Amino acid sequence: MSEHESANGSAGRRLGVFKTYKLYVGGKFPRSESGRVYEVTDSKGTWLANAPQSSRKDARDAVVAARKAFGGWSGATAYNRGQVLYRVAEMLEGRREQFVREVASAEGLSKSKAAAVVDAAVDRWVWYAGWTDKIGQVVGGVNPVAGPYLNLSTPEPTGVVAVLAPQRSSFLGLVSVIAPVIAAGNTAVVVASADAPLPALSLGEVLATSDLPGGVVNVLSGATAELAAPLAAHQDVNAIDLTGADAALAKELEIAAADNLKRVLRPQAVDGGPGTGGTDATDWTADPGTYRLTAFLETKTVWHPTGALGVSGSSY
């Protein structure tokens, strides 16, 4: 018997190490407080892993973590946020093969098609990283006024945003809804696709090893409706993205969100998953534009007197 075989047992008899997927909350990787898990299968019904089934308590903990992180993240310079997002893209590129495997299994794609999806997701993340220090010039500026005043409008992040990720687009759609939220300076509580949560949970591992502060993005897995209801009603959640909700659930969540005047983003084509009644009509490969960046921004307008200008010039 060779030295290698004696150290590792007989050749060909090695047992694989199964990955334990966990939530990503506050920069840490807790199991669900309920201890529940559920089976995740591929498009053919083959078992892939057990994912944590988040509870309402997990959702509340994620909101606390997001609120704690909001001050530091929103207070960072836009340029710094762009650097951090670009670092995340670097980390995603380094784990490209892992995401290709997970996306292929989650969405029933060939390896080549899954690779194209992953490449598009990384490019999408880089695209939003480039917008962090530019969106202010697009939606803000000096306003024309009739009087001796200077009127400036500047965008500010809304706050804590609950994001219901697309049900079928487990990675490109996921990146397309998370990146604009944090690029604009918000923090996020993300409910991953119920049937295909593994790419989202792996994204949490990437975020933890990048420069993104803990709590800026928090990732939960489990039943979308079970987690969305407490988030929509939560008084410390400032906005909610209903992309991953079907039409019936979206209507219920809009009603709950009205209690504290949450901003609500409800795409025209709700991206629903199997069995949810959604249309899944969103084309995630299309140019995303800036509407998701501006959906969770508030506009602050400041008036400043400049002094009356007459024939003699300024009154100063």
Foldseek 3Di string as FASTA:
>chain_A
DDPVCVVQPHPPPHDDDADDFAWAAQLDGDAAPVPDWDFAFFPVRHTDYTYGAHAQVVLVRLLVLQQVCLVVQQPDALLVLLVQLLQLLVLLVVCLVVQLVLLCRHQVHDSVVSSVLSVLLSVLSNVLSVCLNPVQVVPWDWDDDPDQKTKTKGKGFQEEEEEEFFQRSQGLRRSVQLNLNSSLRYAYEYEGRANRPVVVSVSSVSSSPTPNRGSSYIYHYHDRLRNLQCQLQPLSHQAYEQQAAAPVSLVVSVVNNPVNDHQYHYDPQRRYDPPRNGDNPDDSSDDPPCCSNCSRIDMDMDMGGNADQDPVGGPD
